[in-house]
């Protein structure tokens, strides 16, 4: 995925009510149950069907690092889908989302008396539900990192820099570059 997409996904995962399976065997058994067979899991993880069967029976306990990362990512991507949907729905309708970003922010059409040169800023901003809905909708439709970055910059422009239209009216565009830290909270 992407930095922005992964950040949104991690925010949703914080809403889980139970921890996802941790051991390789438990993760593999969960994926086999979800995908209804060892063959589908083997194809998804790019390993042999026999290897999947060995993990399910706990004959192999420690996967190599690249397989462990894929296994954890695929397990968490399928874990508690109803809880995940409720968390997204709640953020998109009532609660909104909080973004904590430390990055180089640039402007186009900066207000008179200020510079439009980009500079490093650390912002923590609560975005209203409509911005959360835009971000989650774009993510659901498979938007890439660039599109999610644009939507986040748009939200920061409207909420933080223009303060809902009460200042910086001539500000046309905000750009997020060189992201140092990014975190989303529901």
Foldseek 3Di string as FASTA:
>chain_A
DDPLLVQVLVQLLVLDPDDFDDWQLSLLVVVCVVVVHLVVVCVQLVHDSVVSVCSVVVVDTDDDPVSSVSSVVVRSVPPPPVSSVVVLVCCQPPFPKKKWWWFWKFFDQFDPPDDRGTDTDTDIDGFHNNLSNVLVVCVVVPHDPVVSQQSVFVRCCCCPVCVNPVDRVRTDTMGTPGTPDMHMHD
